Amino acid sequence: MKSDAERAVKGIEGVEKVDNQIEVLPPSPMDDQLRLRLYRAIYGYPSLQRYALGVQKPIRIIVKSGRVTLEGVVDNEADKNTAGIRANSVPGIFSVTNNLQVVKP
């Protein structure tokens, strides 16, 4: 998929160069378990459940060797902070980087 994404972007008119920095994470049962627990902790929380609607989730949960990064867009600072707190509450996490962006009204 990494090379497919690069090919697709290269095919866009006006694109002269592509710096493909997509990282393919190795399979990890531990990270898979953490990802599931994080999903439940974040999307199962009442004030964050509305973000679970739809196919493309606005809060992306990236787990690499027990280190978590939250990416995406939320409606307000409270939701950003709540997602970070919920992620930090999951046992087995080494660190959480909360890169969620707040939608500008």
PDB file of N, CA and C in Angstrom:
ATOM      1  N   MET A   1       0.808  -1.187   0.000  1.00  0.00           N
ATOM      2  CA  MET A   1       0.000   0.000   0.000  1.00  0.00           C
ATOM      3  C   MET A   1       0.860   1.264   0.000  1.00  0.00           C
ATOM      4  N   LYS A   2       2.036   1.184   0.615  1.00  0.00           N
ATOM      5  CA  LYS A   2       2.923   2.342   0.650  1.00  0.00           C
ATOM      6  C   LYS A   2       3.279   2.777  -0.766  1.00  0.00           C
ATOM      7  N   SER A   3       3.684   1.817  -1.602  1.00  0.00           N
ATOM      8  CA  SER A   3       4.069   2.165  -2.977  1.00  0.00           C
ATOM      9  C   SER A   3       2.846   2.573  -3.799  1.00  0.00           C
ATOM     10  N   ASP A   4       1.678   1.988  -3.512  1.00  0.00           N
ATOM     11  CA  ASP A   4       0.448   2.390  -4.196  1.00  0.00           C
ATOM     12  C   ASP A   4       0.114   3.856  -3.909  1.00  0.00           C
ATOM     13  N   ALA A   5       0.267   4.243  -2.650  1.00  0.00           N
ATOM     14  CA  ALA A   5      -0.005   5.635  -2.272  1.00  0.00           C
ATOM     15  C   ALA A   5       0.958   6.585  -2.979  1.00  0.00           C
ATOM     16  N   GLU A   6       2.219   6.203  -3.041  1.00  0.00           N
ATOM     17  CA  GLU A   6       3.215   7.037  -3.712  1.00  0.00           C
ATOM     18  C   GLU A   6       2.892   7.178  -5.200  1.00  0.00           C
ATOM     19  N   ARG A   7       2.544   6.063  -5.836  1.00  0.00           N
ATOM     20  CA  ARG A   7       2.187   6.101  -7.264  1.00  0.00           C
ATOM     21  C   ARG A   7       0.973   6.997  -7.508  1.00  0.00           C
ATOM     22  N   ALA A   8      -0.013   6.904  -6.637  1.00  0.00           N
ATOM     23  CA  ALA A   8      -1.234   7.703  -6.798  1.00  0.00           C
ATOM     24  C   ALA A   8      -0.930   9.192  -6.711  1.00  0.00           C
ATOM     25  N   VAL A   9      -0.079   9.567  -5.774  1.00  0.00           N
ATOM     26  CA  VAL A   9       0.262  10.989  -5.607  1.00  0.00           C
ATOM     27  C   VAL A   9       1.120  11.466  -6.777  1.00  0.00           C
ATOM     28  N   LYS A  10       2.038  10.630  -7.233  1.00  0.00           N
ATOM     29  CA  LYS A  10       2.881  11.005  -8.376  1.00  0.00           C
ATOM     30  C   LYS A  10       2.052  11.253  -9.624  1.00  0.00           C
ATOM     31  N   GLY A  11       0.902  10.594  -9.714  1.00  0.00           N
ATOM     32  CA  GLY A  11       0.050  10.731 -10.887  1.00  0.00           C
ATOM     33  C   GLY A  11      -0.798  11.991 -10.910  1.00  0.00           C
ATOM     34  N   ILE A  12      -0.760  12.765  -9.845  1.00  0.00           N
ATOM     35  CA  ILE A  12      -1.548  14.001  -9.785  1.00  0.00           C
ATOM     36  C   ILE A  12      -0.840  15.087 -10.588  1.00  0.00           C
ATOM     37  N   GLU A  13      -1.595  15.741 -11.449  1.00  0.00           N
ATOM     38  CA  GLU A  13      -1.027  16.793 -12.289  1.00  0.00           C
ATOM     39  C   GLU A  13      -0.427  17.896 -11.425  1.00  0.00           C
ATOM     40  N   GLY A  14       0.774  18.309 -11.756  1.00  0.00           N
ATOM     41  CA  GLY A  14       1.457  19.379 -11.027  1.00  0.00           C
ATOM     42  C   GLY A  14       2.408  18.885  -9.944  1.00  0.00           C
ATOM     43  N   VAL A  15       2.310  17.611  -9.566  1.00  0.00           N
ATOM     44  CA  VAL A  15       3.210  17.054  -8.551  1.00  0.00           C
ATOM     45  C   VAL A  15       4.533  16.743  -9.227  1.00  0.00           C
ATOM     46  N   GLU A  16       5.603  17.363  -8.719  1.00  0.00           N
ATOM     47  CA  GLU A  16       6.930  17.172  -9.303  1.00  0.00           C
ATOM     48  C   GLU A  16       7.757  16.147  -8.540  1.00  0.00           C
ATOM     49  N   LYS A  17       7.543  16.067  -7.219  1.00  0.00           N
ATOM     50  CA  LYS A  17       8.361  15.186  -6.397  1.00  0.00           C
ATOM     51  C   LYS A  17       7.517  14.677  -5.237  1.00  0.00           C
ATOM     52  N   VAL A  18       7.756  13.428  -4.835  1.00  0.00           N
ATOM     53  CA  VAL A  18       7.059  12.835  -3.701  1.00  0.00           C
ATOM     54  C   VAL A  18       8.099  12.361  -2.692  1.00  0.00           C
ATOM     55  N   ASP A  19       7.954  12.798  -1.442  1.00  0.00           N
ATOM     56  CA  ASP A  19       8.810  12.346  -0.354  1.00  0.00           C
ATOM     57  C   ASP A  19       7.977  11.381   0.495  1.00  0.00           C
ATOM     58  N   ASN A  20       8.007  10.108   0.155  1.00  0.00           N
ATOM     59  CA  ASN A  20       7.171   9.099   0.788  1.00  0.00           C
ATOM     60  C   ASN A  20       7.752   8.725   2.150  1.00  0.00           C
ATOM     61  N   GLN A  21       7.137   9.240   3.206  1.00  0.00           N
ATOM     62  CA  GLN A  21       7.582   8.948   4.564  1.00  0.00           C
ATOM     63  C   GLN A  21       6.606   8.044   5.300  1.00  0.00           C
ATOM     64  N   ILE A  22       5.772   7.345   4.550  1.00  0.00           N
ATOM     65  CA  ILE A  22       4.841   6.402   5.163  1.00  0.00           C
ATOM     66  C   ILE A  22       5.650   5.286   5.804  1.00  0.00           C
ATOM     67  N   GLU A  23       5.339   4.991   7.055  1.00  0.00           N
ATOM     68  CA  GLU A  23       6.048   3.938   7.784  1.00  0.00           C
ATOM     69  C   GLU A  23       5.119   2.738   7.941  1.00  0.00           C
ATOM     70  N   VAL A  24       5.568   1.589   7.527  1.00  0.00           N
ATOM     71  CA  VAL A  24       4.805   0.360   7.678  1.00  0.00           C
ATOM     72  C   VAL A  24       5.259  -0.293   8.975  1.00  0.00           C
ATOM     73  N   LEU A  25       4.336  -0.364   9.937  1.00  0.00           N
ATOM     74  CA  LEU A  25       4.685  -0.916  11.241  1.00  0.00           C
ATOM     75  C   LEU A  25       4.700  -2.441  11.184  1.00  0.00           C
ATOM     76  N   PRO A  26       5.663  -3.050  11.865  1.00  0.00           N
ATOM     77  CA  PRO A  26       5.727  -4.525  11.873  1.00  0.00           C
ATOM     78  C   PRO A  26       4.554  -5.090  12.678  1.00  0.00           C
ATOM     79  N   PRO A  27       4.119  -6.307  12.348  1.00  0.00           N
ATOM     80  CA  PRO A  27       3.047  -6.941  13.120  1.00  0.00           C
ATOM     81  C   PRO A  27       3.473  -7.115  14.573  1.00  0.00           C
ATOM     82  N   SER A  28       2.568  -6.794  15.484  1.00  0.00           N
ATOM     83  CA  SER A  28       2.873  -6.941  16.900  1.00  0.00           C
ATOM     84  C   SER A  28       1.586  -7.264  17.654  1.00  0.00           C
ATOM     85  N   PRO A  29       1.463  -8.489  18.175  1.00  0.00           N
ATOM     86  CA  PRO A  29       0.261  -8.837  18.942  1.00  0.00           C
ATOM     87  C   PRO A  29       0.053  -7.906  20.139  1.00  0.00           C
ATOM     88  N   MET A  30       1.150  -7.503  20.810  1.00  0.00           N
ATOM     89  CA  MET A  30       1.029  -6.603  21.959  1.00  0.00           C
ATOM     90  C   MET A  30       0.433  -5.262  21.514  1.00  0.00           C
ATOM     91  N   ASP A  31       0.951  -4.686  20.423  1.00  0.00           N
ATOM     92  CA  ASP A  31       0.431  -3.414  19.921  1.00  0.00           C
ATOM     93  C   ASP A  31      -1.020  -3.561  19.467  1.00  0.00           C
ATOM     94  N   ASP A  32      -1.361  -4.704  18.869  1.00  0.00           N
ATOM     95  CA  ASP A  32      -2.747  -4.945  18.448  1.00  0.00           C
ATOM     96  C   ASP A  32      -3.691  -4.949  19.646  1.00  0.00           C
ATOM     97  N   GLN A  33      -3.278  -5.585  20.738  1.00  0.00           N
ATOM     98  CA  GLN A  33      -4.087  -5.616  21.955  1.00  0.00           C
ATOM     99  C   GLN A  33      -4.237  -4.212  22.540  1.00  0.00           C
ATOM    100  N   LEU A  34      -3.124  -3.457  22.563  1.00  0.00           N
ATOM    101  CA  LEU A  34      -3.184  -2.085  23.072  1.00  0.00           C
ATOM    102  C   LEU A  34      -4.105  -1.226  22.214  1.00  0.00           C
ATOM    103  N   ARG A  35      -4.027  -1.398  20.904  1.00  0.00           N
ATOM    104  CA  ARG A  35      -4.863  -0.630  19.974  1.00  0.00           C
ATOM    105  C   ARG A  35      -6.344  -0.870  20.253  1.00  0.00           C
ATOM    106  N   LEU A  36      -6.709  -2.122  20.501  1.00  0.00           N
ATOM    107  CA  LEU A  36      -8.092  -2.462  20.801  1.00  0.00           C
ATOM    108  C   LEU A  36      -8.531  -1.837  22.130  1.00  0.00           C
ATOM    109  N   ARG A  37      -7.673  -1.931  23.150  1.00  0.00           N
ATOM    110  CA  ARG A  37      -8.001  -1.327  24.449  1.00  0.00           C
ATOM    111  C   ARG A  37      -8.107   0.190  24.338  1.00  0.00           C
ATOM    112  N   LEU A  38      -7.228   0.794  23.547  1.00  0.00           N
ATOM    113  CA  LEU A  38      -7.286   2.245  23.338  1.00  0.00           C
ATOM    114  C   LEU A  38      -8.573   2.641  22.619  1.00  0.00           C
ATOM    115  N   TYR A  39      -8.935   1.874  21.598  1.00  0.00           N
ATOM    116  CA  TYR A  39     -10.165   2.144  20.856  1.00  0.00           C
ATOM    117  C   TYR A  39     -11.360   2.140  21.818  1.00  0.00           C
ATOM    118  N   ARG A  40     -11.426   1.112  22.648  1.00  0.00           N
ATOM    119  CA  ARG A  40     -12.536   1.019  23.610  1.00  0.00           C
ATOM    120  C   ARG A  40     -12.504   2.161  24.622  1.00  0.00           C
ATOM    121  N   ALA A  41     -11.312   2.511  25.115  1.00  0.00           N
ATOM    122  CA  ALA A  41     -11.185   3.568  26.117  1.00  0.00           C
ATOM    123  C   ALA A  41     -11.580   4.929  25.546  1.00  0.00           C
ATOM    124  N   ILE A  42     -11.223   5.181  24.296  1.00  0.00           N
ATOM    125  CA  ILE A  42     -11.517   6.479  23.691  1.00  0.00           C
ATOM    126  C   ILE A  42     -12.933   6.519  23.125  1.00  0.00           C
ATOM    127  N   TYR A  43     -13.235   5.632  22.193  1.00  0.00           N
ATOM    128  CA  TYR A  43     -14.538   5.675  21.523  1.00  0.00           C
ATOM    129  C   TYR A  43     -15.680   5.173  22.403  1.00  0.00           C
ATOM    130  N   GLY A  44     -15.382   4.450  23.469  1.00  0.00           N
ATOM    131  CA  GLY A  44     -16.416   3.989  24.386  1.00  0.00           C
ATOM    132  C   GLY A  44     -16.776   4.997  25.453  1.00  0.00           C
ATOM    133  N   TYR A  45     -16.039   6.087  25.532  1.00  0.00           N
ATOM    134  CA  TYR A  45     -16.300   7.118  26.530  1.00  0.00           C
ATOM    135  C   TYR A  45     -17.446   8.004  26.037  1.00  0.00           C
ATOM    136  N   PRO A  46     -18.462   8.259  26.886  1.00  0.00           N
ATOM    137  CA  PRO A  46     -19.667   8.955  26.416  1.00  0.00           C
ATOM    138  C   PRO A  46     -19.437  10.241  25.623  1.00  0.00           C
ATOM    139  N   SER A  47     -18.580  11.123  26.082  1.00  0.00           N
ATOM    140  CA  SER A  47     -18.408  12.399  25.375  1.00  0.00           C
ATOM    141  C   SER A  47     -17.623  12.258  24.073  1.00  0.00           C
ATOM    142  N   LEU A  48     -16.982  11.104  23.848  1.00  0.00           N
ATOM    143  CA  LEU A  48     -16.210  10.891  22.623  1.00  0.00           C
ATOM    144  C   LEU A  48     -16.886   9.911  21.659  1.00  0.00           C
ATOM    145  N   GLN A  49     -18.021   9.344  22.056  1.00  0.00           N
ATOM    146  CA  GLN A  49     -18.688   8.344  21.218  1.00  0.00           C
ATOM    147  C   GLN A  49     -19.095   8.884  19.857  1.00  0.00           C
ATOM    148  N   ARG A  50     -19.402  10.170  19.762  1.00  0.00           N
ATOM    149  CA  ARG A  50     -19.830  10.725  18.466  1.00  0.00           C
ATOM    150  C   ARG A  50     -18.725  10.627  17.416  1.00  0.00           C
ATOM    151  N   TYR A  51     -17.471  10.541  17.845  1.00  0.00           N
ATOM    152  CA  TYR A  51     -16.358  10.407  16.904  1.00  0.00           C
ATOM    153  C   TYR A  51     -16.250   8.995  16.334  1.00  0.00           C
ATOM    154  N   ALA A  52     -16.966   8.031  16.919  1.00  0.00           N
ATOM    155  CA  ALA A  52     -16.916   6.643  16.449  1.00  0.00           C
ATOM    156  C   ALA A  52     -17.816   6.426  15.236  1.00  0.00           C
ATOM    157  N   LEU A  53     -18.655   7.391  14.911  1.00  0.00           N
ATOM    158  CA  LEU A  53     -19.565   7.249  13.773  1.00  0.00           C
ATOM    159  C   LEU A  53     -18.801   7.376  12.468  1.00  0.00           C
ATOM    160  N   GLY A  54     -19.276   6.678  11.464  1.00  0.00           N
ATOM    161  CA  GLY A  54     -18.647   6.771  10.148  1.00  0.00           C
ATOM    162  C   GLY A  54     -17.511   5.780   9.971  1.00  0.00           C
ATOM    163  N   VAL A  55     -17.115   5.611   8.731  1.00  0.00           N
ATOM    164  CA  VAL A  55     -16.064   4.660   8.390  1.00  0.00           C
ATOM    165  C   VAL A  55     -14.694   5.213   8.754  1.00  0.00           C
ATOM    166  N   GLN A  56     -14.430   6.462   8.398  1.00  0.00           N
ATOM    167  CA  GLN A  56     -13.139   7.103   8.662  1.00  0.00           C
ATOM    168  C   GLN A  56     -13.199   7.814  10.010  1.00  0.00           C
ATOM    169  N   LYS A  57     -12.551   7.239  11.008  1.00  0.00           N
ATOM    170  CA  LYS A  57     -12.584   7.810  12.351  1.00  0.00           C
ATOM    171  C   LYS A  57     -11.714   9.067  12.423  1.00  0.00           C
ATOM    172  N   PRO A  58     -12.224  10.141  13.038  1.00  0.00           N
ATOM    173  CA  PRO A  58     -11.438  11.373  13.128  1.00  0.00           C
ATOM    174  C   PRO A  58     -10.274  11.295  14.116  1.00  0.00           C
ATOM    175  N   ILE A  59     -10.336  10.349  15.048  1.00  0.00           N
ATOM    176  CA  ILE A  59      -9.221  10.150  15.983  1.00  0.00           C
ATOM    177  C   ILE A  59      -8.510   8.873  15.550  1.00  0.00           C
ATOM    178  N   ARG A  60      -7.311   9.041  15.016  1.00  0.00           N
ATOM    179  CA  ARG A  60      -6.528   7.885  14.586  1.00  0.00           C
ATOM    180  C   ARG A  60      -5.571   7.483  15.713  1.00  0.00           C
ATOM    181  N   ILE A  61      -5.562   6.210  16.025  1.00  0.00           N
ATOM    182  CA  ILE A  61      -4.750   5.666  17.112  1.00  0.00           C
ATOM    183  C   ILE A  61      -3.594   4.897  16.492  1.00  0.00           C
ATOM    184  N   ILE A  62      -2.387   5.387  16.701  1.00  0.00           N
ATOM    185  CA  ILE A  62      -1.185   4.753  16.160  1.00  0.00           C
ATOM    186  C   ILE A  62      -0.396   4.183  17.335  1.00  0.00           C
ATOM    187  N   VAL A  63      -0.090   2.895  17.271  1.00  0.00           N
ATOM    188  CA  VAL A  63       0.665   2.234  18.337  1.00  0.00           C
ATOM    189  C   VAL A  63       1.915   1.626  17.731  1.00  0.00           C
ATOM    190  N   LYS A  64       3.050   1.988  18.277  1.00  0.00           N
ATOM    191  CA  LYS A  64       4.332   1.449  17.829  1.00  0.00           C
ATOM    192  C   LYS A  64       5.164   1.109  19.060  1.00  0.00           C
ATOM    193  N   SER A  65       5.344  -0.175  19.288  1.00  0.00           N
ATOM    194  CA  SER A  65       6.135  -0.666  20.419  1.00  0.00           C
ATOM    195  C   SER A  65       5.648  -0.102  21.751  1.00  0.00           C
ATOM    196  N   GLY A  66       4.334  -0.059  21.924  1.00  0.00           N
ATOM    197  CA  GLY A  66       3.764   0.414  23.182  1.00  0.00           C
ATOM    198  C   GLY A  66       3.679   1.918  23.323  1.00  0.00           C
ATOM    199  N   ARG A  67       4.154   2.648  22.318  1.00  0.00           N
ATOM    200  CA  ARG A  67       4.081   4.110  22.335  1.00  0.00           C
ATOM    201  C   ARG A  67       2.921   4.534  21.439  1.00  0.00           C
ATOM    202  N   VAL A  68       2.089   5.414  21.963  1.00  0.00           N
ATOM    203  CA  VAL A  68       0.845   5.785  21.296  1.00  0.00           C
ATOM    204  C   VAL A  68       0.921   7.216  20.776  1.00  0.00           C
ATOM    205  N   THR A  69       0.389   7.402  19.577  1.00  0.00           N
ATOM    206  CA  THR A  69       0.216   8.736  19.028  1.00  0.00           C
ATOM    207  C   THR A  69      -1.234   8.870  18.600  1.00  0.00           C
ATOM    208  N   LEU A  70      -1.869   9.954  19.021  1.00  0.00           N
ATOM    209  CA  LEU A  70      -3.228  10.262  18.593  1.00  0.00           C
ATOM    210  C   LEU A  70      -3.132  11.343  17.531  1.00  0.00           C
ATOM    211  N   GLU A  71      -3.732  11.084  16.370  1.00  0.00           N
ATOM    212  CA  GLU A  71      -3.731  12.034  15.258  1.00  0.00           C
ATOM    213  C   GLU A  71      -5.173  12.275  14.833  1.00  0.00           C
ATOM    214  N   GLY A  72      -5.435  13.433  14.275  1.00  0.00           N
ATOM    215  CA  GLY A  72      -6.761  13.708  13.746  1.00  0.00           C
ATOM    216  C   GLY A  72      -7.296  15.034  14.219  1.00  0.00           C
ATOM    217  N   VAL A  73      -8.618  15.165  14.110  1.00  0.00           N
ATOM    218  CA  VAL A  73      -9.270  16.442  14.397  1.00  0.00           C
ATOM    219  C   VAL A  73     -10.472  16.201  15.301  1.00  0.00           C
ATOM    220  N   VAL A  74     -10.596  17.029  16.332  1.00  0.00           N
ATOM    221  CA  VAL A  74     -11.743  16.984  17.236  1.00  0.00           C
ATOM    222  C   VAL A  74     -12.389  18.365  17.291  1.00  0.00           C
ATOM    223  N   ASP A  75     -13.584  18.423  17.903  1.00  0.00           N
ATOM    224  CA  ASP A  75     -14.360  19.663  17.910  1.00  0.00           C
ATOM    225  C   ASP A  75     -13.867  20.725  18.889  1.00  0.00           C
ATOM    226  N   ASN A  76     -13.239  20.298  19.988  1.00  0.00           N
ATOM    227  CA  ASN A  76     -12.858  21.283  21.001  1.00  0.00           C
ATOM    228  C   ASN A  76     -11.696  20.765  21.848  1.00  0.00           C
ATOM    229  N   GLU A  77     -11.144  21.675  22.627  1.00  0.00           N
ATOM    230  CA  GLU A  77      -9.981  21.367  23.476  1.00  0.00           C
ATOM    231  C   GLU A  77     -10.329  20.325  24.532  1.00  0.00           C
ATOM    232  N   ALA A  78     -11.563  20.363  25.050  1.00  0.00           N
ATOM    233  CA  ALA A  78     -11.982  19.392  26.065  1.00  0.00           C
ATOM    234  C   ALA A  78     -11.936  17.972  25.496  1.00  0.00           C
ATOM    235  N   ASP A  79     -12.405  17.787  24.250  1.00  0.00           N
ATOM    236  CA  ASP A  79     -12.365  16.461  23.628  1.00  0.00           C
ATOM    237  C   ASP A  79     -10.924  16.006  23.406  1.00  0.00           C
ATOM    238  N   LYS A  80     -10.065  16.925  23.001  1.00  0.00           N
ATOM    239  CA  LYS A  80      -8.646  16.596  22.806  1.00  0.00           C
ATOM    240  C   LYS A  80      -8.042  16.109  24.127  1.00  0.00           C
ATOM    241  N   ASN A  81      -8.293  16.863  25.188  1.00  0.00           N
ATOM    242  CA  ASN A  81      -7.736  16.502  26.490  1.00  0.00           C
ATOM    243  C   ASN A  81      -8.321  15.195  27.015  1.00  0.00           C
ATOM    244  N   THR A  82      -9.627  15.006  26.820  1.00  0.00           N
ATOM    245  CA  THR A  82     -10.276  13.780  27.274  1.00  0.00           C
ATOM    246  C   THR A  82      -9.695  12.567  26.557  1.00  0.00           C
ATOM    247  N   ALA A  83      -9.503  12.669  25.252  1.00  0.00           N
ATOM    248  CA  ALA A  83      -8.924  11.555  24.495  1.00  0.00           C
ATOM    249  C   ALA A  83      -7.525  11.225  25.013  1.00  0.00           C
ATOM    250  N   GLY A  84      -6.730  12.253  25.294  1.00  0.00           N
ATOM    251  CA  GLY A  84      -5.387  12.029  25.834  1.00  0.00           C
ATOM    252  C   GLY A  84      -5.409  11.374  27.200  1.00  0.00           C
ATOM    253  N   ILE A  85      -6.318  11.825  28.050  1.00  0.00           N
ATOM    254  CA  ILE A  85      -6.446  11.242  29.395  1.00  0.00           C
ATOM    255  C   ILE A  85      -6.897   9.791  29.304  1.00  0.00           C
ATOM    256  N   ARG A  86      -7.880   9.518  28.432  1.00  0.00           N
ATOM    257  CA  ARG A  86      -8.374   8.153  28.260  1.00  0.00           C
ATOM    258  C   ARG A  86      -7.259   7.240  27.732  1.00  0.00           C
ATOM    259  N   ALA A  87      -6.469   7.731  26.785  1.00  0.00           N
ATOM    260  CA  ALA A  87      -5.363   6.933  26.244  1.00  0.00           C
ATOM    261  C   ALA A  87      -4.335   6.640  27.335  1.00  0.00           C
ATOM    262  N   ASN A  88      -4.023   7.639  28.140  1.00  0.00           N
ATOM    263  CA  ASN A  88      -3.037   7.454  29.210  1.00  0.00           C
ATOM    264  C   ASN A  88      -3.523   6.490  30.288  1.00  0.00           C
ATOM    265  N   SER A  89      -4.823   6.253  30.370  1.00  0.00           N
ATOM    266  CA  SER A  89      -5.366   5.378  31.411  1.00  0.00           C
ATOM    267  C   SER A  89      -5.272   3.891  31.035  1.00  0.00           C
ATOM    268  N   VAL A  90      -4.905   3.587  29.797  1.00  0.00           N
ATOM    269  CA  VAL A  90      -4.844   2.194  29.348  1.00  0.00           C
ATOM    270  C   VAL A  90      -3.552   1.550  29.861  1.00  0.00           C
ATOM    271  N   PRO A  91      -3.671   0.447  30.590  1.00  0.00           N
ATOM    272  CA  PRO A  91      -2.468  -0.233  31.096  1.00  0.00           C
ATOM    273  C   PRO A  91      -1.599  -0.761  29.958  1.00  0.00           C
ATOM    274  N   GLY A  92      -0.283  -0.704  30.157  1.00  0.00           N
ATOM    275  CA  GLY A  92       0.652  -1.242  29.178  1.00  0.00           C
ATOM    276  C   GLY A  92       1.194  -0.220  28.199  1.00  0.00           C
ATOM    277  N   ILE A  93       0.718   1.017  28.288  1.00  0.00           N
ATOM    278  CA  ILE A  93       1.176   2.093  27.403  1.00  0.00           C
ATOM    279  C   ILE A  93       2.451   2.696  27.991  1.00  0.00           C
ATOM    280  N   PHE A  94       3.460   2.895  27.148  1.00  0.00           N
ATOM    281  CA  PHE A  94       4.697   3.531  27.608  1.00  0.00           C
ATOM    282  C   PHE A  94       4.603   5.043  27.556  1.00  0.00           C
ATOM    283  N   SER A  95       3.961   5.575  26.503  1.00  0.00           N
ATOM    284  CA  SER A  95       3.815   7.028  26.389  1.00  0.00           C
ATOM    285  C   SER A  95       2.684   7.338  25.420  1.00  0.00           C
ATOM    286  N   VAL A  96       2.129   8.541  25.556  1.00  0.00           N
ATOM    287  CA  VAL A  96       1.073   9.006  24.662  1.00  0.00           C
ATOM    288  C   VAL A  96       1.458  10.386  24.146  1.00  0.00           C
ATOM    289  N   THR A  97       1.468  10.540  22.834  1.00  0.00           N
ATOM    290  CA  THR A  97       1.667  11.837  22.206  1.00  0.00           C
ATOM    291  C   THR A  97       0.333  12.239  21.595  1.00  0.00           C
ATOM    292  N   ASN A  98      -0.221  13.338  22.100  1.00  0.00           N
ATOM    293  CA  ASN A  98      -1.543  13.788  21.673  1.00  0.00           C
ATOM    294  C   ASN A  98      -1.374  14.879  20.620  1.00  0.00           C
ATOM    295  N   ASN A  99      -1.439  14.485  19.345  1.00  0.00           N
ATOM    296  CA  ASN A  99      -1.322  15.432  18.229  1.00  0.00           C
ATOM    297  C   ASN A  99      -2.673  15.825  17.663  1.00  0.00           C
ATOM    298  N   LEU A 100      -3.747  15.600  18.432  1.00  0.00           N
ATOM    299  CA  LEU A 100      -5.071  15.960  17.928  1.00  0.00           C
ATOM    300  C   LEU A 100      -5.157  17.467  17.734  1.00  0.00           C
ATOM    301  N   GLN A 101      -5.808  17.863  16.657  1.00  0.00           N
ATOM    302  CA  GLN A 101      -6.009  19.275  16.340  1.00  0.00           C
ATOM    303  C   GLN A 101      -7.459  19.628  16.635  1.00  0.00           C
ATOM    304  N   VAL A 102      -7.688  20.861  17.105  1.00  0.00           N
ATOM    305  CA  VAL A 102      -9.029  21.337  17.366  1.00  0.00           C
ATOM    306  C   VAL A 102      -9.525  22.100  16.160  1.00  0.00           C
ATOM    307  N   VAL A 103     -10.748  21.775  15.716  1.00  0.00           N
ATOM    308  CA  VAL A 103     -11.353  22.443  14.575  1.00  0.00           C
ATOM    309  C   VAL A 103     -11.478  23.935  14.886  1.00  0.00           C
ATOM    310  N   LYS A 104     -11.073  24.745  13.955  1.00  0.00           N
ATOM    311  CA  LYS A 104     -11.221  26.202  14.112  1.00  0.00           C
ATOM    312  C   LYS A 104     -12.628  26.584  13.650  1.00  0.00           C
ATOM    313  N   PRO A 105     -13.423  27.253  14.517  1.00  0.00           N
ATOM    314  CA  PRO A 105     -14.796  27.619  14.126  1.00  0.00           C
ATOM    315  C   PRO A 105     -14.843  28.634  13.008  1.00  0.00           C
TER     316      PRO A 105
END
